[in-house]
C-alpha atoms as a PDB file:
ATOM      1  CA  UNK A   1      77.955  40.480 112.148  1.00  0.00           C
ATOM      2  CA  UNK A   2      74.269  39.636 112.787  1.00  0.00           C
ATOM      3  CA  UNK A   3      73.079  36.873 115.195  1.00  0.00           C
ATOM      4  CA  UNK A   4      69.950  34.773 114.612  1.00  0.00           C
ATOM      5  CA  UNK A   5      68.270  31.873 116.467  1.00  0.00           C
ATOM      6  CA  UNK A   6      67.997  28.583 114.715  1.00  0.00           C
ATOM      7  CA  UNK A   7      65.066  26.241 115.001  1.00  0.00           C
ATOM      8  CA  UNK A   8      66.529  24.211 117.898  1.00  0.00           C
ATOM      9  CA  UNK A   9      66.972  27.144 120.240  1.00  0.00           C
ATOM     10  CA  UNK A  10      70.667  27.579 119.504  1.00  0.00           C
ATOM     11  CA  UNK A  11      72.368  30.690 118.292  1.00  0.00           C
ATOM     12  CA  UNK A  12      73.772  30.800 114.777  1.00  0.00           C
ATOM     13  CA  UNK A  13      76.096  33.501 113.504  1.00  0.00           C
ATOM     14  CA  UNK A  14      75.518  34.727 109.998  1.00  0.00           C
ATOM     15  CA  UNK A  15      78.298  35.800 107.703  1.00  0.00           C
ATOM     16  CA  UNK A  16      79.503  39.379 108.105  1.00  0.00           C
ATOM     17  CA  UNK A  17      77.306  41.925 106.390  1.00  0.00           C
ATOM     18  CA  UNK A  18      80.355  43.414 104.699  1.00  0.00           C
ATOM     19  CA  UNK A  19      83.271  41.187 103.734  1.00  0.00           C
ATOM     20  CA  UNK A  20      86.722  42.633 104.480  1.00  0.00           C
ATOM     21  CA  UNK A  21      88.439  44.018 101.378  1.00  0.00           C
ATOM     22  CA  UNK A  22      91.095  41.847  99.784  1.00  0.00           C
ATOM     23  CA  UNK A  23      94.538  43.295 100.223  1.00  0.00           C
ATOM     24  CA  UNK A  24      96.158  44.614  97.070  1.00  0.00           C
ATOM     25  CA  UNK A  25      99.339  42.737  97.866  1.00  0.00           C
ATOM     26  CA  UNK A  26      97.407  39.481  97.970  1.00  0.00           C
ATOM     27  CA  UNK A  27      95.835  40.233  94.610  1.00  0.00           C
ATOM     28  CA  UNK A  28      99.215  40.921  93.044  1.00  0.00           C
ATOM     29  CA  UNK A  29     100.707  37.707  94.436  1.00  0.00           C
ATOM     30  CA  UNK A  30      97.687  35.733  93.254  1.00  0.00           C
ATOM     31  CA  UNK A  31      97.981  37.201  89.767  1.00  0.00           C
ATOM     32  CA  UNK A  32     101.707  36.379  89.626  1.00  0.00           C
ATOM     33  CA  UNK A  33     101.065  32.839  90.859  1.00  0.00           C
ATOM     34  CA  UNK A  34      98.357  32.241  88.260  1.00  0.00           C
ATOM     35  CA  UNK A  35     100.221  33.944  85.389  1.00  0.00           C
ATOM     36  CA  UNK A  36     103.949  33.363  85.984  1.00  0.00           C
ATOM     37  CA  UNK A  37     104.957  33.708  82.327  1.00  0.00           C
ATOM     38  CA  UNK A  38     103.031  36.935  81.846  1.00  0.00           C
ATOM     39  CA  UNK A  39     104.398  38.343  85.089  1.00  0.00           C
ATOM     40  CA  UNK A  40     108.006  37.418  84.296  1.00  0.00           C
ATOM     41  CA  UNK A  41     107.799  38.944  80.818  1.00  0.00           C
ATOM     42  CA  UNK A  42     106.083  42.083  82.075  1.00  0.00           C
ATOM     43  CA  UNK A  43     108.596  42.646  84.891  1.00  0.00           C
ATOM     44  CA  UNK A  44     111.608  42.077  82.636  1.00  0.00           C
ATOM     45  CA  UNK A  45     110.213  44.309  79.893  1.00  0.00           C
ATOM     46  CA  UNK A  46     109.336  46.961  82.474  1.00  0.00           C
ATOM     47  CA  UNK A  47     112.926  46.996  83.721  1.00  0.00           C
ATOM     48  CA  UNK A  48     114.250  47.406  80.179  1.00  0.00           C
ATOM     49  CA  UNK A  49     111.798  50.226  79.447  1.00  0.00           C
ATOM     50  CA  UNK A  50     112.812  51.934  82.694  1.00  0.00           C
ATOM     51  CA  UNK A  51     116.465  51.539  81.734  1.00  0.00           C
ATOM     52  CA  UNK A  52     115.836  53.190  78.367  1.00  0.00           C
ATOM     53  CA  UNK A  53     113.835  56.091  79.807  1.00  0.00           C
ATOM     54  CA  UNK A  54     116.127  56.709  82.776  1.00  0.00           C
ATOM     55  CA  UNK A  55     119.370  56.290  80.796  1.00  0.00           C
ATOM     56  CA  UNK A  56     120.555  59.887  81.479  1.00  0.00           C
ATOM     57  CA  UNK A  57     120.512  59.305  85.259  1.00  0.00           C
ATOM     58  CA  UNK A  58     122.044  55.828  85.276  1.00  0.00           C
ATOM     59  CA  UNK A  59     125.664  56.916  85.152  1.00  0.00           C
ATOM     60  CA  UNK A  60     125.847  57.356  81.383  1.00  0.00           C
ATOM     61  CA  UNK A  61     127.731  59.901  79.279  1.00  0.00           C
ATOM     62  CA  UNK A  62     127.166  61.238  75.777  1.00  0.00           C
ATOM     63  CA  UNK A  63     126.884  58.035  73.677  1.00  0.00           C
ATOM     64  CA  UNK A  64     128.271  59.822  70.599  1.00  0.00           C
ATOM     65  CA  UNK A  65     131.255  61.464  72.298  1.00  0.00           C
ATOM     66  CA  UNK A  66     134.486  60.373  70.597  1.00  0.00           C
ATOM     67  CA  UNK A  67     137.685  60.039  72.670  1.00  0.00           C
ATOM     68  CA  UNK A  68     140.523  58.370  70.697  1.00  0.00           C
ATOM     69  CA  UNK A  69     142.746  58.314  73.796  1.00  0.00           C
ATOM     70  CA  UNK A  70     140.300  55.930  75.527  1.00  0.00           C
ATOM     71  CA  UNK A  71     139.549  53.576  72.660  1.00  0.00           C
ATOM     72  CA  UNK A  72     139.144  49.794  73.116  1.00  0.00           C
ATOM     73  CA  UNK A  73     139.304  49.933  76.899  1.00  0.00           C
ATOM     74  CA  UNK A  74     138.222  46.654  78.487  1.00  0.00           C
ATOM     75  CA  UNK A  75     135.303  46.604  80.966  1.00  0.00           C
ATOM     76  CA  UNK A  76     136.326  48.046  84.317  1.00  0.00           C
ATOM     77  CA  UNK A  77     134.999  50.055  87.251  1.00  0.00           C
ATOM     78  CA  UNK A  78     135.408  53.223  85.180  1.00  0.00           C
ATOM     79  CA  UNK A  79     134.001  51.828  81.919  1.00  0.00           C
ATOM     80  CA  UNK A  80     131.470  49.157  82.881  1.00  0.00           C
ATOM     81  CA  UNK A  81     131.065  47.758  79.361  1.00  0.00           C
ATOM     82  CA  UNK A  82     134.384  49.041  77.987  1.00  0.00           C
ATOM     83  CA  UNK A  83     134.867  51.432  75.062  1.00  0.00           C
ATOM     84  CA  UNK A  84     134.774  50.905  71.303  1.00  0.00           C
ATOM     85  CA  UNK A  85     137.365  51.690  68.644  1.00  0.00           C
ATOM     86  CA  UNK A  86     136.479  55.400  68.761  1.00  0.00           C
ATOM     87  CA  UNK A  87     136.591  55.652  72.539  1.00  0.00           C
ATOM     88  CA  UNK A  88     132.825  55.822  72.984  1.00  0.00           C
ATOM     89  CA  UNK A  89     131.380  54.330  76.158  1.00  0.00           C
ATOM     90  CA  UNK A  90     129.693  51.022  75.279  1.00  0.00           C
ATOM     91  CA  UNK A  91     127.579  51.108  78.455  1.00  0.00           C
ATOM     92  CA  UNK A  92     126.062  54.467  77.516  1.00  0.00           C
ATOM     93  CA  UNK A  93     125.548  53.426  73.895  1.00  0.00           C
ATOM     94  CA  UNK A  94     123.861  50.189  74.977  1.00  0.00           C
ATOM     95  CA  UNK A  95     121.410  51.934  77.307  1.00  0.00           C
ATOM     96  CA  UNK A  96     120.546  54.637  74.781  1.00  0.00           C
ATOM     97  CA  UNK A  97     120.319  51.998  72.045  1.00  0.00           C
ATOM     98  CA  UNK A  98     117.414  50.418  73.926  1.00  0.00           C
ATOM     99  CA  UNK A  99     115.321  53.447  73.002  1.00  0.00           C
ATOM    100  CA  UNK A 100     115.647  52.775  69.281  1.00  0.00           C
ATOM    101  CA  UNK A 101     114.731  49.099  69.563  1.00  0.00           C
ATOM    102  CA  UNK A 102     111.762  49.760  71.846  1.00  0.00           C
ATOM    103  CA  UNK A 103     110.438  52.604  69.695  1.00  0.00           C
ATOM    104  CA  UNK A 104     110.711  50.517  66.544  1.00  0.00           C
ATOM    105  CA  UNK A 105     109.192  47.422  68.166  1.00  0.00           C
ATOM    106  CA  UNK A 106     106.229  49.173  69.775  1.00  0.00           C
ATOM    107  CA  UNK A 107     105.535  51.394  66.755  1.00  0.00           C
ATOM    108  CA  UNK A 108     105.621  48.507  64.271  1.00  0.00           C
ATOM    109  CA  UNK A 109     103.409  46.357  66.504  1.00  0.00           C
ATOM    110  CA  UNK A 110     100.832  49.134  66.889  1.00  0.00           C
ATOM    111  CA  UNK A 111     100.739  50.266  63.256  1.00  0.00           C
ATOM    112  CA  UNK A 112     100.755  46.794  61.705  1.00  0.00           C
ATOM    113  CA  UNK A 113      98.054  45.607  64.120  1.00  0.00           C
ATOM    114  CA  UNK A 114      95.736  48.539  63.386  1.00  0.00           C
ATOM    115  CA  UNK A 115      96.208  48.463  59.612  1.00  0.00           C
ATOM    116  CA  UNK A 116      96.171  44.669  59.390  1.00  0.00           C
ATOM    117  CA  UNK A 117      93.043  44.512  61.553  1.00  0.00           C
ATOM    118  CA  UNK A 118      91.124  46.916  59.295  1.00  0.00           C
ATOM    119  CA  UNK A 119      92.219  45.130  56.122  1.00  0.00           C
ATOM    120  CA  UNK A 120      91.574  41.683  57.604  1.00  0.00           C
ATOM    121  CA  UNK A 121      88.068  42.606  58.769  1.00  0.00           C
ATOM    122  CA  UNK A 122      87.187  43.914  55.316  1.00  0.00           C
ATOM    123  CA  UNK A 123      88.614  40.822  53.634  1.00  0.00           C
ATOM    124  CA  UNK A 124      86.913  38.398  56.008  1.00  0.00           C
ATOM    125  CA  UNK A 125      83.464  39.999  56.123  1.00  0.00           C
ATOM    126  CA  UNK A 126      83.044  41.549  52.671  1.00  0.00           C
ATOM    127  CA  UNK A 127      83.227  38.716  50.177  1.00  0.00           C
ATOM    128  CA  UNK A 128      83.579  40.958  47.117  1.00  0.00           C
ATOM    129  CA  UNK A 129      86.970  42.324  48.148  1.00  0.00           C
ATOM    130  CA  UNK A 130      88.268  39.168  49.828  1.00  0.00           C
ATOM    131  CA  UNK A 131      89.882  37.672  46.744  1.00  0.00           C
ATOM    132  CA  UNK A 132      91.589  40.878  45.646  1.00  0.00           C
ATOM    133  CA  UNK A 133      92.956  41.785  49.069  1.00  0.00           C
ATOM    134  CA  UNK A 134      94.204  38.324  49.918  1.00  0.00           C
ATOM    135  CA  UNK A 135      95.974  37.892  46.595  1.00  0.00           C
ATOM    136  CA  UNK A 136      97.878  41.100  47.295  1.00  0.00           C
ATOM    137  CA  UNK A 137      98.697  39.867  50.805  1.00  0.00           C
ATOM    138  CA  UNK A 138      99.839  36.505  49.426  1.00  0.00           C
ATOM    139  CA  UNK A 139     102.146  38.318  47.020  1.00  0.00           C
ATOM    140  CA  UNK A 140     103.701  40.324  49.850  1.00  0.00           C
ATOM    141  CA  UNK A 141     104.059  37.228  52.036  1.00  0.00           C
ATOM    142  CA  UNK A 142     105.875  35.394  49.253  1.00  0.00           C
ATOM    143  CA  UNK A 143     108.801  37.773  49.840  1.00  0.00           C
ATOM    144  CA  UNK A 144     110.752  37.219  53.081  1.00  0.00           C
ATOM    145  CA  UNK A 145     110.033  40.079  55.442  1.00  0.00           C
ATOM    146  CA  UNK A 146     113.683  40.989  55.907  1.00  0.00           C
ATOM    147  CA  UNK A 147     114.263  41.162  52.127  1.00  0.00           C
ATOM    148  CA  UNK A 148     111.130  43.276  51.680  1.00  0.00           C
ATOM    149  CA  UNK A 149     112.326  45.628  54.418  1.00  0.00           C
ATOM    150  CA  UNK A 150     115.777  45.883  52.810  1.00  0.00           C
ATOM    151  CA  UNK A 151     114.206  46.654  49.431  1.00  0.00           C
ATOM    152  CA  UNK A 152     112.024  49.379  50.917  1.00  0.00           C
ATOM    153  CA  UNK A 153     114.953  50.883  52.842  1.00  0.00           C
ATOM    154  CA  UNK A 154     117.003  50.941  49.622  1.00  0.00           C
ATOM    155  CA  UNK A 155     114.447  53.357  48.173  1.00  0.00           C
ATOM    156  CA  UNK A 156     114.701  55.804  51.080  1.00  0.00           C
ATOM    157  CA  UNK A 157     117.335  57.282  53.356  1.00  0.00           C
ATOM    158  CA  UNK A 158     118.188  55.693  56.660  1.00  0.00           C
ATOM    159  CA  UNK A 159     116.115  56.930  59.604  1.00  0.00           C
ATOM    160  CA  UNK A 160     114.078  55.504  62.448  1.00  0.00           C
ATOM    161  CA  UNK A 161     110.817  56.572  60.774  1.00  0.00           C
ATOM    162  CA  UNK A 162     111.688  54.834  57.501  1.00  0.00           C
ATOM    163  CA  UNK A 163     112.738  51.685  59.368  1.00  0.00           C
ATOM    164  CA  UNK A 164     109.354  51.631  61.130  1.00  0.00           C
ATOM    165  CA  UNK A 165     107.505  52.063  57.826  1.00  0.00           C
ATOM    166  CA  UNK A 166     109.538  49.374  56.038  1.00  0.00           C
ATOM    167  CA  UNK A 167     109.066  46.772  58.774  1.00  0.00           C
ATOM    168  CA  UNK A 168     105.369  47.657  59.169  1.00  0.00           C
ATOM    169  CA  UNK A 169     104.708  47.017  55.488  1.00  0.00           C
ATOM    170  CA  UNK A 170     106.409  43.631  55.811  1.00  0.00           C
ATOM    171  CA  UNK A 171     104.341  42.645  58.887  1.00  0.00           C
ATOM    172  CA  UNK A 172     100.874  43.789  57.755  1.00  0.00           C
ATOM    173  CA  UNK A 173     100.118  40.649  55.660  1.00  0.00           C
ATOM    174  CA  UNK A 174     100.577  38.356  58.677  1.00  0.00           C
ATOM    175  CA  UNK A 175      98.131  40.328  60.791  1.00  0.00           C
ATOM    176  CA  UNK A 176      95.693  40.482  57.887  1.00  0.00           C
ATOM    177  CA  UNK A 177      95.649  36.711  57.443  1.00  0.00           C
ATOM    178  CA  UNK A 178      95.165  36.164  61.175  1.00  0.00           C
ATOM    179  CA  UNK A 179      92.267  38.623  61.444  1.00  0.00           C
ATOM    180  CA  UNK A 180      90.642  37.323  58.262  1.00  0.00           C
ATOM    181  CA  UNK A 181      90.632  33.770  59.637  1.00  0.00           C
ATOM    182  CA  UNK A 182      89.049  34.945  62.893  1.00  0.00           C
ATOM    183  CA  UNK A 183      86.401  36.993  61.062  1.00  0.00           C
ATOM    184  CA  UNK A 184      85.505  34.082  58.776  1.00  0.00           C
ATOM    185  CA  UNK A 185      84.565  32.044  61.847  1.00  0.00           C
ATOM    186  CA  UNK A 186      82.867  34.938  63.653  1.00  0.00           C
ATOM    187  CA  UNK A 187      80.535  35.899  60.831  1.00  0.00           C
ATOM    188  CA  UNK A 188      78.906  32.461  61.009  1.00  0.00           C
ATOM    189  CA  UNK A 189      78.091  32.820  64.707  1.00  0.00           C
ATOM    190  CA  UNK A 190      74.389  32.988  65.656  1.00  0.00           C
ATOM    191  CA  UNK A 191      74.627  36.426  67.263  1.00  0.00           C
ATOM    192  CA  UNK A 192      76.126  37.908  64.075  1.00  0.00           C
ATOM    193  CA  UNK A 193      73.474  36.278  61.921  1.00  0.00           C
ATOM    194  CA  UNK A 194      70.801  37.564  64.300  1.00  0.00           C
ATOM    195  CA  UNK A 195      72.190  41.092  64.048  1.00  0.00           C
ATOM    196  CA  UNK A 196      72.147  40.916  60.252  1.00  0.00           C
ATOM    197  CA  UNK A 197      68.620  39.460  60.210  1.00  0.00           C
ATOM    198  CA  UNK A 198      67.367  42.253  62.461  1.00  0.00           C
ATOM    199  CA  UNK A 199      68.485  44.838  59.933  1.00  0.00           C
ATOM    200  CA  UNK A 200      71.711  46.035  61.543  1.00  0.00           C
ATOM    201  CA  UNK A 201      73.906  47.786  59.009  1.00  0.00           C
ATOM    202  CA  UNK A 202      77.239  46.314  58.014  1.00  0.00           C
ATOM    203  CA  UNK A 203      79.449  48.968  59.727  1.00  0.00           C
ATOM    204  CA  UNK A 204      77.537  48.470  62.987  1.00  0.00           C
ATOM    205  CA  UNK A 205      77.894  44.688  62.776  1.00  0.00           C
ATOM    206  CA  UNK A 206      81.633  45.005  62.175  1.00  0.00           C
ATOM    207  CA  UNK A 207      82.358  47.510  64.934  1.00  0.00           C
ATOM    208  CA  UNK A 208      79.954  46.128  67.550  1.00  0.00           C
ATOM    209  CA  UNK A 209      80.142  42.365  67.020  1.00  0.00           C
ATOM    210  CA  UNK A 210      83.210  41.518  64.915  1.00  0.00           C
ATOM    211  CA  UNK A 211      86.035  43.825  66.003  1.00  0.00           C
ATOM    212  CA  UNK A 212      85.714  43.304  69.784  1.00  0.00           C
ATOM    213  CA  UNK A 213      86.151  39.554  69.341  1.00  0.00           C
ATOM    214  CA  UNK A 214      89.347  39.960  67.298  1.00  0.00           C
ATOM    215  CA  UNK A 215      91.219  41.985  69.926  1.00  0.00           C
ATOM    216  CA  UNK A 216      92.497  39.009  71.953  1.00  0.00           C
ATOM    217  CA  UNK A 217      94.357  37.252  69.092  1.00  0.00           C
ATOM    218  CA  UNK A 218      95.584  40.609  67.784  1.00  0.00           C
ATOM    219  CA  UNK A 219      97.082  41.496  71.170  1.00  0.00           C
ATOM    220  CA  UNK A 220      98.977  38.207  71.262  1.00  0.00           C
ATOM    221  CA  UNK A 221     100.125  38.586  67.668  1.00  0.00           C
ATOM    222  CA  UNK A 222     101.268  42.165  68.365  1.00  0.00           C
ATOM    223  CA  UNK A 223     103.750  40.967  70.988  1.00  0.00           C
ATOM    224  CA  UNK A 224     105.403  38.580  68.560  1.00  0.00           C
ATOM    225  CA  UNK A 225     105.460  41.288  65.874  1.00  0.00           C
ATOM    226  CA  UNK A 226     107.158  43.601  68.372  1.00  0.00           C
ATOM    227  CA  UNK A 227     109.883  41.038  69.036  1.00  0.00           C
ATOM    228  CA  UNK A 228     110.308  40.318  65.333  1.00  0.00           C
ATOM    229  CA  UNK A 229     110.540  44.041  64.550  1.00  0.00           C
ATOM    230  CA  UNK A 230     113.338  44.514  67.084  1.00  0.00           C
ATOM    231  CA  UNK A 231     115.338  41.711  65.502  1.00  0.00           C
ATOM    232  CA  UNK A 232     114.671  43.012  61.990  1.00  0.00           C
ATOM    233  CA  UNK A 233     115.769  46.529  62.991  1.00  0.00           C
ATOM    234  CA  UNK A 234     118.990  45.121  64.438  1.00  0.00           C
ATOM    235  CA  UNK A 235     119.614  43.167  61.221  1.00  0.00           C
ATOM    236  CA  UNK A 236     118.993  46.228  59.044  1.00  0.00           C
ATOM    237  CA  UNK A 237     121.311  48.366  61.157  1.00  0.00           C
ATOM    238  CA  UNK A 238     123.927  45.601  61.250  1.00  0.00           C
ATOM    239  CA  UNK A 239     124.131  45.450  57.451  1.00  0.00           C
ATOM    240  CA  UNK A 240     124.016  49.243  57.089  1.00  0.00           C
ATOM    241  CA  UNK A 241     120.456  49.492  55.747  1.00  0.00           C
ATOM    242  CA  UNK A 242     118.756  50.708  58.926  1.00  0.00           C
ATOM    243  CA  UNK A 243     119.286  53.670  61.197  1.00  0.00           C
ATOM    244  CA  UNK A 244     122.242  55.992  60.467  1.00  0.00           C
ATOM    245  CA  UNK A 245     125.518  55.079  62.228  1.00  0.00           C
ATOM    246  CA  UNK A 246     125.363  58.306  64.236  1.00  0.00           C
ATOM    247  CA  UNK A 247     122.283  56.983  66.087  1.00  0.00           C
ATOM    248  CA  UNK A 248     123.257  54.500  68.815  1.00  0.00           C
ATOM    249  CA  UNK A 249     121.269  51.324  68.290  1.00  0.00           C
ATOM    250  CA  UNK A 250     122.070  47.757  69.198  1.00  0.00           C
ATOM    251  CA  UNK A 251     122.452  46.805  65.547  1.00  0.00           C
ATOM    252  CA  UNK A 252     124.847  49.687  64.857  1.00  0.00           C
ATOM    253  CA  UNK A 253     126.936  48.901  67.950  1.00  0.00           C
ATOM    254  CA  UNK A 254     127.311  45.270  66.911  1.00  0.00           C
ATOM    255  CA  UNK A 255     128.088  46.257  63.317  1.00  0.00           C
ATOM    256  CA  UNK A 256     130.871  48.604  64.435  1.00  0.00           C
ATOM    257  CA  UNK A 257     132.364  46.002  66.771  1.00  0.00           C
ATOM    258  CA  UNK A 258     132.341  43.000  64.443  1.00  0.00           C
ATOM    259  CA  UNK A 259     135.798  43.863  63.059  1.00  0.00           C
ATOM    260  CA  UNK A 260     137.246  43.449  66.565  1.00  0.00           C
ATOM    261  CA  UNK A 261     135.065  40.546  67.631  1.00  0.00           C
ATOM    262  CA  UNK A 262     137.919  38.098  68.164  1.00  0.00           C
ATOM    263  CA  UNK A 263     139.991  40.443  70.353  1.00  0.00           C
ATOM    264  CA  UNK A 264     137.367  42.845  71.790  1.00  0.00           C
ATOM    265  CA  UNK A 265     134.264  40.690  71.920  1.00  0.00           C
ATOM    266  CA  UNK A 266     132.612  42.755  74.653  1.00  0.00           C
ATOM    267  CA  UNK A 267     131.699  45.458  72.106  1.00  0.00           C
ATOM    268  CA  UNK A 268     129.283  43.024  70.457  1.00  0.00           C
ATOM    269  CA  UNK A 269     128.481  40.920  73.513  1.00  0.00           C
ATOM    270  CA  UNK A 270     126.668  43.493  75.661  1.00  0.00           C
ATOM    271  CA  UNK A 271     124.228  44.879  73.035  1.00  0.00           C
ATOM    272  CA  UNK A 272     123.559  41.318  71.849  1.00  0.00           C
ATOM    273  CA  UNK A 273     122.675  40.238  75.405  1.00  0.00           C
ATOM    274  CA  UNK A 274     120.320  43.180  75.907  1.00  0.00           C
ATOM    275  CA  UNK A 275     118.649  42.521  72.542  1.00  0.00           C
ATOM    276  CA  UNK A 276     118.152  38.869  73.464  1.00  0.00           C
ATOM    277  CA  UNK A 277     116.721  39.754  76.887  1.00  0.00           C
ATOM    278  CA  UNK A 278     114.292  42.258  75.354  1.00  0.00           C
ATOM    279  CA  UNK A 279     113.066  39.796  72.743  1.00  0.00           C
ATOM    280  CA  UNK A 280     112.742  37.128  75.440  1.00  0.00           C
ATOM    281  CA  UNK A 281     110.683  39.484  77.627  1.00  0.00           C
ATOM    282  CA  UNK A 282     108.299  40.330  74.789  1.00  0.00           C
ATOM    283  CA  UNK A 283     107.888  36.669  73.836  1.00  0.00           C
ATOM    284  CA  UNK A 284     107.183  35.716  77.456  1.00  0.00           C
ATOM    285  CA  UNK A 285     104.610  38.506  77.590  1.00  0.00           C
ATOM    286  CA  UNK A 286     102.965  37.165  74.446  1.00  0.00           C
ATOM    287  CA  UNK A 287     102.874  33.590  75.744  1.00  0.00           C
ATOM    288  CA  UNK A 288     101.380  34.809  79.010  1.00  0.00           C
ATOM    289  CA  UNK A 289      98.712  36.830  77.239  1.00  0.00           C
ATOM    290  CA  UNK A 290      97.806  33.828  75.105  1.00  0.00           C
ATOM    291  CA  UNK A 291      97.413  31.603  78.162  1.00  0.00           C
ATOM    292  CA  UNK A 292      95.366  34.224  80.002  1.00  0.00           C
ATOM    293  CA  UNK A 293      93.064  35.246  77.145  1.00  0.00           C
ATOM    294  CA  UNK A 294      92.405  31.759  75.772  1.00  0.00           C
ATOM    295  CA  UNK A 295      90.076  29.947  78.200  1.00  0.00           C
ATOM    296  CA  UNK A 296      91.218  26.572  76.856  1.00  0.00           C
ATOM    297  CA  UNK A 297      94.808  27.335  77.825  1.00  0.00           C
ATOM    298  CA  UNK A 298      94.188  29.371  80.962  1.00  0.00           C
ATOM    299  CA  UNK A 299      95.562  27.825  84.121  1.00  0.00           C
ATOM    300  CA  UNK A 300      92.943  27.524  86.831  1.00  0.00           C
ATOM    301  CA  UNK A 301      94.212  26.964  90.333  1.00  0.00           C
END
């Protein structure tokens, strides 16, 4: 701290030359206080991801191991979530089933966002291809996404990769329409018109001025696509059009337990609860991102 004399003969203390660093813990608490929805969704989703990754060390057994002598055991200290009609541990199958839902959700969100962003930018900025592309997207959107996914899965064999592809195709039109609407407003901005007037080529204008400004809405949309993809995967598996029954997924577990729902409801209850919590976490994350990235909705304290 430096000391100077003021004009009246007194001594005045200046501010410290170097301000003390802000503690990381204080920054984290401030971020949580300003973004409670984002923080709650991120923490809950992080716990579910940790559960899926660390499933082998969380007291689980082989989720596909069949033991007829232990079938339909109710939840207890030995079998936390009970066993199904083939004697398989529902707790182990539920934890390992999280991997399928998370892989499908994240993969569909990433692929549909990338592909939809590229198509939407082309449709919104290049007028010659706008009509053709959007008519194709309108045709795909006229079919409910779940029916389109079922139709695509009927043409292939059941696997996680084919489920990802089928759901991605169904979600691309929604991302395309969102990005196209954003690009239509961006291309009329003064800085874009100035770049075009100065002779900047079209690819440079798109990648330097258009794409960076579409990332915020795409990130928010990707979270909702992720949640929708998880639900769609569970529906496909539940009706037998998704992943093979040998792969433990929440949809398969619920499909196998529906015959005993009235007497052994826990077989369906636990995977349904975990699916609901995961979708809730992703939706909270999306709402928090929207509030944080949109300055009109951001909460200033």
